[in-house]
Protein backbone atom coordinates (compact mmCIF):
# COMPACT_ATOMS: atom_id res chain seq x y z
CA MET A 1 100.15 94.93 139.40
CA PRO A 2 100.29 91.35 138.74
CA LEU A 3 96.78 90.91 138.27
CA GLU A 4 94.26 93.50 136.94
CA LEU A 5 90.06 93.62 137.16
CA THR A 6 88.83 95.72 134.49
CA VAL A 7 84.65 95.64 134.72
CA TYR A 8 82.58 97.02 131.82
CA GLY A 9 79.85 99.26 133.39
CA ASP A 10 78.27 99.61 129.72
CA ALA A 11 77.71 95.70 129.89
CA LEU A 12 76.23 95.51 133.66
CA ALA A 13 73.95 98.58 132.68
CA GLU A 14 73.11 96.31 128.82
CA ASN A 15 72.49 92.98 130.97
CA PHE A 16 69.98 95.22 133.81
CA ARG A 17 68.22 96.38 130.76
CA ARG A 18 68.07 92.94 128.88
CA MET A 19 66.22 91.64 131.99
CA GLN A 20 63.82 94.81 132.41
CA ARG A 21 62.72 93.90 129.17
CA PHE A 22 62.59 89.80 129.76
CA ARG A 23 60.15 90.58 132.43
CA PRO A 24 58.79 93.99 132.09
CA LYS A 25 55.87 93.29 134.55
CA SER A 26 58.82 93.10 137.68
CA GLU A 27 60.81 95.48 139.12
CA ILE A 28 64.87 94.38 138.50
CA ALA A 29 66.79 94.29 141.59
CA ALA A 30 70.15 94.01 141.95
CA VAL A 31 71.72 91.23 144.14
CA VAL A 32 75.59 92.10 145.16
CA LYS A 33 76.59 90.41 147.52
CA ALA A 34 80.14 89.56 148.17
CA ASN A 35 81.46 92.70 146.94
CA ALA A 36 79.28 92.69 144.20
CA TYR A 37 79.99 88.96 142.88
CA GLY A 38 84.26 89.31 143.56
CA LEU A 39 83.49 92.71 140.65
CA GLY A 40 83.38 95.40 143.53
CA PHE A 41 81.12 97.43 144.77
CA GLU A 42 82.64 100.88 143.55
CA ASN A 43 82.62 99.47 140.27
CA VAL A 44 78.89 97.71 139.73
CA VAL A 45 76.79 99.95 142.13
CA PRO A 46 77.16 103.24 140.50
CA ALA A 47 76.90 101.57 136.99
CA LEU A 48 73.37 99.68 138.08
CA THR A 49 72.20 102.50 139.34
CA LEU A 50 72.38 104.93 136.60
CA ALA A 51 70.95 102.62 134.70
CA GLY A 52 68.13 102.63 136.68
CA CYS A 53 68.46 99.87 139.58
CA LYS A 54 66.28 101.31 142.32
CA THR A 55 66.51 98.16 144.68
CA PHE A 56 69.69 95.77 145.91
CA PHE A 57 70.20 93.10 148.10
CA VAL A 58 73.21 92.21 150.44
CA ASN A 59 73.24 89.66 153.03
CA ARG A 60 75.29 91.61 155.55
CA PHE A 61 75.76 94.63 157.24
CA ASP A 62 78.76 96.32 156.31
CA GLU A 63 78.21 95.17 152.46
CA GLY A 64 74.62 96.90 152.98
CA ASP A 65 76.74 99.76 154.46
CA ALA A 66 79.17 100.06 151.41
CA VAL A 67 76.13 100.23 148.82
CA ARG A 68 74.10 102.89 150.68
CA ARG A 69 77.42 105.15 150.21
CA LEU A 70 77.41 104.31 146.54
CA ALA A 71 73.41 104.85 146.19
CA ALA A 72 71.87 106.99 148.38
CA ASN A 73 68.32 106.71 146.95
CA ALA A 74 68.19 102.81 146.91
CA ARG A 75 66.15 100.57 148.24
CA ILE A 76 68.89 98.18 150.39
CA PHE A 77 67.91 94.67 152.13
CA VAL A 78 69.89 92.95 153.75
CA LEU A 79 69.03 89.53 153.91
CA ASP A 80 71.17 87.59 156.66
CA ALA A 81 70.04 90.54 159.18
CA LEU A 82 69.23 90.23 163.49
CA ILE A 83 70.76 87.20 163.48
CA GLY A 84 73.50 88.19 165.94
CA GLY A 85 73.83 91.35 168.45
CA ASP A 86 72.33 93.89 165.22
CA THR A 87 69.15 95.64 166.36
CA PRO A 88 66.80 97.59 163.79
CA ALA A 89 67.59 100.37 165.15
CA ASP A 90 71.19 99.62 163.20
CA TYR A 91 69.81 99.08 159.90
CA ALA A 92 67.65 102.18 160.09
CA ALA A 93 70.25 104.99 161.14
CA HIS A 94 72.03 103.14 157.68
CA GLY A 95 68.99 103.42 155.48
CA LEU A 96 68.75 99.35 155.57
CA ILE A 97 65.77 96.99 155.27
CA PRO A 98 66.10 94.13 157.79
CA VAL A 99 64.75 91.13 156.85
CA PHE A 100 63.52 88.84 158.87
CA SER A 101 64.67 85.52 158.50
CA THR A 102 64.12 83.55 162.06
CA ILE A 103 61.45 82.77 164.28
CA GLU A 104 64.41 84.28 167.25
CA ALA A 105 64.34 87.70 165.36
CA LEU A 106 60.85 88.32 165.55
CA ALA A 107 60.61 87.20 169.42
CA ARG A 108 63.29 89.66 170.24
CA PHE A 109 61.95 92.46 168.25
CA PRO A 110 57.88 92.83 168.61
CA GLU A 111 57.83 96.15 168.09
CA GLU A 112 58.72 95.96 164.71
CA LYS A 113 55.67 96.06 162.76
CA ASP A 114 56.31 96.74 159.21
CA ILE A 115 58.60 93.96 158.14
CA ALA A 116 60.60 92.21 155.29
CA VAL A 117 60.37 88.82 156.22
CA ARG A 118 62.24 85.43 154.39
CA LEU A 119 60.60 82.02 154.08
CA ASP A 120 62.26 79.42 153.33
CA THR A 121 60.61 76.68 150.66
CA GLY A 122 62.34 74.22 150.19
CA PHE A 123 66.27 75.96 149.88
CA ASN A 124 67.01 74.25 153.21
CA MET A 125 69.44 76.66 154.19
CA ALA A 126 67.95 79.69 155.01
CA GLY A 127 64.43 81.41 156.09
CA LEU A 128 61.76 81.06 158.43
CA ASN A 129 60.54 77.47 157.74
CA ALA A 130 57.74 77.16 155.52
CA PHE A 131 56.81 74.01 155.83
CA ASP A 132 55.60 74.47 159.72
CA GLU A 133 52.84 77.00 158.99
CA PRO A 134 51.64 77.78 162.25
CA ALA A 135 54.69 78.71 163.88
CA VAL A 136 55.38 80.85 160.95
CA MET A 137 51.75 82.46 161.28
CA ARG A 138 51.77 82.57 165.02
CA ALA A 139 55.44 84.15 164.88
CA LEU A 140 54.02 87.24 162.30
CA ASP A 141 50.38 87.59 163.98
CA GLY A 142 49.92 91.59 164.46
CA ARG A 143 52.78 92.44 161.72
CA ASN A 144 52.28 94.22 158.92
CA VAL A 145 54.47 92.07 156.19
CA LYS A 146 55.33 94.71 154.16
CA PHE A 147 57.82 92.43 151.73
CA LEU A 148 57.67 88.75 151.48
CA MET A 149 60.19 87.22 149.75
CA SER A 150 61.80 82.87 149.17
CA HIS A 151 64.68 81.48 147.05
CA LEU A 152 64.24 78.78 144.77
CA ALA A 153 67.04 75.95 145.16
CA CYS A 154 66.68 74.32 141.17
CA ALA A 155 66.34 77.31 139.39
CA GLU A 156 68.84 76.45 136.47
CA ARG A 157 67.53 73.04 136.30
CA PRO A 158 64.12 73.67 134.71
CA ASP A 159 62.69 70.34 134.59
CA SER A 160 62.99 69.78 138.69
CA PRO A 161 59.74 69.02 140.15
CA LYS A 162 60.90 71.24 143.03
CA ASN A 163 60.55 74.32 141.49
CA ARG A 164 57.08 73.90 141.55
CA ARG A 165 56.75 72.70 144.23
CA GLN A 166 58.44 76.10 145.97
CA LEU A 167 56.24 77.95 144.14
CA ASP A 168 53.27 76.40 144.87
CA LEU A 169 53.67 76.72 148.90
CA PHE A 170 55.12 80.57 148.29
CA SER A 171 51.60 81.26 146.63
CA LYS A 172 50.44 80.25 149.38
CA TYR A 173 51.42 82.96 151.88
CA ALA A 174 51.85 84.87 149.12
CA ALA A 175 47.59 84.78 149.02
CA LEU A 176 47.75 84.93 152.97
CA PHE A 177 49.80 88.51 153.05
CA PRO A 178 48.09 89.77 149.57
CA ASP A 179 49.31 93.13 150.54
CA ALA A 180 52.90 92.45 150.49
CA GLU A 181 55.50 92.72 148.24
CA LYS A 182 56.52 90.00 147.00
CA SER A 183 59.91 88.35 145.50
CA LEU A 184 60.17 84.38 144.44
CA ALA A 185 62.83 84.74 141.31
CA ALA A 186 66.52 85.32 141.06
CA SER A 187 67.80 85.72 137.67
CA PHE A 188 67.48 81.88 136.80
CA GLY A 189 64.03 81.72 138.41
CA ALA A 190 62.62 84.73 135.58
CA ALA A 191 63.30 82.30 133.25
CA LEU A 192 60.84 79.56 135.02
CA GLY A 193 58.18 81.86 134.01
CA GLU A 194 56.52 84.12 134.71
CA GLU A 195 54.32 83.07 137.33
CA TYR A 196 57.84 83.10 138.85
CA CYS A 197 58.46 86.66 138.64
CA PHE A 198 55.90 88.36 141.12
CA ASP A 199 56.67 91.83 142.00
CA VAL A 200 60.25 91.79 141.72
CA ILE A 201 63.24 89.42 140.69
CA ARG A 202 66.37 89.57 142.64
CA SER A 203 68.68 88.92 139.63
CA GLY A 204 72.55 88.38 140.03
CA ALA A 205 74.16 85.64 137.62
CA ALA A 206 72.28 87.64 134.96
CA LEU A 207 73.58 90.98 135.64
CA TYR A 208 77.12 89.75 136.03
CA GLY A 209 76.75 88.02 132.44
CA SER A 210 75.13 83.96 133.28
CA GLY A 211 72.67 82.72 130.87
CA ALA A 212 72.29 82.76 127.24
CA GLY A 213 71.98 86.41 125.93
CA GLN A 214 73.77 88.28 128.48
CA LYS A 215 76.70 90.08 127.94
CA ASN A 216 79.99 89.66 129.41
CA VAL A 217 80.89 92.58 132.54
CA ALA A 218 84.81 91.34 133.21
CA ARG A 219 88.22 90.70 132.33
CA LEU A 220 90.81 89.31 134.72
CA SER A 221 94.60 89.70 133.33
CA ALA A 222 97.89 88.43 134.95
CA GLU A 223 101.38 88.90 134.02
CA ILE A 224 103.50 86.31 133.06
CA GLY A 225 106.55 85.38 135.61
CA TRP A 226 108.34 82.88 133.77
CA VAL A 227 109.28 81.23 130.39
CA ARG A 228 110.76 78.33 129.84
CA ARG A 229 111.59 75.23 127.54
CA PHE A 230 111.02 71.71 128.91
CA ASP A 231 111.85 68.22 128.04
CA ALA A 232 109.42 65.41 127.95
CA GLY A 233 109.49 63.40 130.93
CA GLU A 234 109.65 66.59 133.42
CA SER A 235 107.67 67.75 136.12
CA LEU A 236 105.61 70.98 137.19
CA GLY A 237 104.39 72.17 140.12
CA TYR A 238 103.42 70.45 143.82
CA ASN A 239 103.77 66.70 144.28
CA ASP A 240 105.01 66.45 140.36
CA GLU A 241 101.25 66.85 139.19
CA CYS A 242 101.91 67.61 135.62
CA VAL A 243 104.86 65.20 134.16
CA LEU A 244 105.08 66.57 130.47
CA ARG A 245 104.61 63.78 127.76
CA LYS A 246 106.27 66.10 125.25
CA PRO A 247 108.23 69.01 125.18
CA ALA A 248 106.91 72.35 125.77
CA VAL A 249 107.47 75.78 126.36
CA VAL A 250 105.60 76.71 129.90
CA ALA A 251 104.61 80.07 130.96
CA THR A 252 103.94 80.57 134.77
CA VAL A 253 101.41 82.75 135.25
CA LEU A 254 101.46 85.18 138.61
CA ALA A 255 97.74 84.29 139.55
CA GLY A 256 96.56 81.28 141.65
CA SER A 257 94.26 80.11 144.78
CA GLY A 258 94.96 83.31 146.99
CA ASP A 259 93.73 85.74 144.31
CA GLY A 260 90.18 83.24 144.12
CA ILE A 261 91.27 81.74 140.95
CA ALA A 262 88.84 78.92 139.13
CA HIS A 263 91.55 77.10 136.88
CA LYS A 264 92.64 74.39 137.13
CA LYS A 265 93.70 71.16 134.25
CA GLY A 266 91.50 71.51 131.72
CA CYS A 267 91.23 74.93 131.77
CA PHE A 268 92.74 77.98 129.66
CA VAL A 269 93.91 81.42 129.60
CA ASP A 270 93.20 83.86 126.99
CA TYR A 271 96.61 84.97 125.00
CA ARG A 272 96.15 87.79 122.42
CA GLY A 273 93.04 85.31 120.91
CA THR A 274 95.15 81.97 121.46
CA LEU A 275 93.60 79.84 124.41
CA LEU A 276 96.53 77.79 126.00
CA PRO A 277 95.57 75.35 128.38
CA VAL A 278 95.99 75.05 132.07
CA LEU A 279 98.78 72.44 132.90
CA ALA A 280 98.24 72.07 136.73
CA ALA A 281 96.53 72.89 139.40
CA PRO A 282 98.11 76.87 140.86
CA ALA A 283 100.18 76.91 143.88
CA THR A 284 99.16 80.25 146.02
CA ASN A 285 99.95 82.99 143.60
CA TYR A 286 101.56 80.91 140.14
CA LEU A 287 99.77 78.98 137.12
CA SER A 288 101.77 77.14 134.93
CA VAL A 289 100.11 77.09 131.23
CA ASP A 290 101.44 74.93 128.36
CA ALA A 291 102.36 78.06 125.72
CA THR A 292 103.93 76.47 123.06
CA ALA A 293 101.28 77.33 120.99
CA ALA A 294 102.60 80.67 121.26
CA ALA A 295 106.42 79.86 121.80
CA ASP A 296 108.10 82.26 119.44
CA GLN A 297 105.26 85.05 121.01
CA ILE A 298 104.81 84.89 124.22
CA LYS A 299 107.33 86.98 126.73
CA VAL A 300 107.95 87.26 129.95
CA GLY A 301 106.37 90.40 131.47
CA GLU A 302 103.12 90.30 128.97
CA SER A 303 99.91 89.51 129.77
CA VAL A 304 97.06 86.63 129.70
CA ASP A 305 93.33 86.85 130.32
CA LEU A 306 92.21 84.66 132.86
CA PHE A 307 88.50 85.68 131.28
CA ASN A 308 87.44 87.72 128.71
CA GLU A 309 84.80 87.76 125.95
CA ASN A 310 86.36 84.98 124.16
CA TYR A 311 86.93 82.76 127.17
CA THR A 312 84.13 83.80 129.38
CA PRO A 313 83.67 82.90 132.64
CA ASP A 314 80.45 80.78 132.40
CA ARG A 315 83.06 79.09 129.72
CA LEU A 316 85.92 78.61 132.79
CA ALA A 317 83.34 77.42 135.04
CA ALA A 318 82.13 74.73 132.80
CA ASP A 319 86.05 73.53 132.29
CA ALA A 320 86.55 73.83 135.58
CA GLY A 321 83.11 71.93 136.79
CA THR A 322 82.32 74.88 139.15
CA GLY A 323 78.71 75.90 138.24
CA ILE A 324 78.23 79.19 136.11
CA GLY A 325 80.14 82.34 135.37
CA ALA A 326 79.08 83.97 138.41
CA ASP A 327 80.43 81.38 140.52
CA VAL A 328 83.64 81.75 138.99
CA LEU A 329 83.35 85.88 139.71
CA ILE A 330 82.39 85.61 143.15
CA ARG A 331 84.82 83.68 144.38
CA LEU A 332 87.60 86.31 143.09
CA ASN A 333 90.37 88.10 146.08
CA VAL A 334 91.82 90.78 143.77
């Protein structure tokens, strides 16, 4: 196979336990949306279950169904529930918990009394508009809110004043529903302080290796298809994007944009511990790298690592300007 993804279940488990030690007063739940951040439900969910994870969050019904088949006894919350033609009965049949996120869904299913609710306290993308308290309280009148959650917009920026504003607004609703289980923080939110953590922390990025002290959880390897020597002035890729300024040995890696990789000029791949610079944006299944530093060793049919414990997803994300390592993983199509 041109690409091979290796997932380290022991590292996932250790990251889960580190989050437990970091915030022992809160339950650590796992966010496994988008095929467990691109790493595969089958690779991630059993490892986290063995580590003691009892609650999972996904965005879509089919994701919840996939997780249920791997975690028979877990709680599984589905965030983007009851927006289309799906019904609470659909979720009950699969042992899933739909999260009410719209006024319309609450109006459609007035018979649903014991519910989970998502508030939008400033993320401004998903959830009941918490700034319209009268509308929210009318919609929830007569309901037993069992689980109340929201999502921080700027948790990766601890100095953002929006974090405190969201905490204050969520805390106001928390006081209105004192018996509800509550969740505001995800991975980076947990680092803002214990007051952000409430009952459940929805850990995603930290489980997958993002953040200080977390272990790398995956390696993505790809085969080398061609190795060629080029003279200065020759060009590579579409529209002559890369014009070589000096002679170089160039390796074509069999991975590209169709595989969801984040690499572009300024990024690297790892060949036996040597970082080789990416020369141009990838084609659908090809990535050109400067292999001059390994010219006497590198051969067609060998592999390079697109990321690993040496060149981590977090470092790749920084080089690519795509946020954090979890953003690199979640786009994978391998």
